[in-house]
């Protein structure tokens, strides 16, 4: 599916160039009742993990089935890409190597912004830049449904590629 000509064609149109599909694809699964650090994806922006290539990587998040807010879907910190890009340019970004925080309400207060989240349906696709802060929330689904999703990344073939992301995951690869 991720290499389907229609999807590749859309990214080619959007990016204005032939596209490179990153080989590493992430499947996320969050069971009901799993809470806290290490389960839901903490607040971060993707460039933190893809720093050895271009900063113009686009991530495509796809829920694998319906994903109501209660199952722990994707949330975006409104307008956060403006601040992240300014801090990246100025070299003033202060954050750990991986995530920003697990305290989503405090981060929203710090940015004076809202977390934007929605009920997602099978077939929905979210595409975002490597600079927008995003996270997932805890799965508190009363129906005990597991949330499944995947992250797929595309970029211009002419831009530098973070080659660490061109292999399948293996334990100890540091990513």
Foldseek 3Di string as FASTA:
>chain_A
DCPPPVNQVVVCVVQVARKDWFQEKDKAKAWAPDDDPPHWFAKDFQCLVWVQWDQFKKKKKAWQFKAALLQWDKKWWPPQLVVQVVCVVVVNDDADSGHRDNPVVVVCVVVVTDIDDGTGGHVDMDMDGRRTIMIIHHRNDPVRDMIIMMMIMMDHPPITGRCLRRDYDDPPSPD
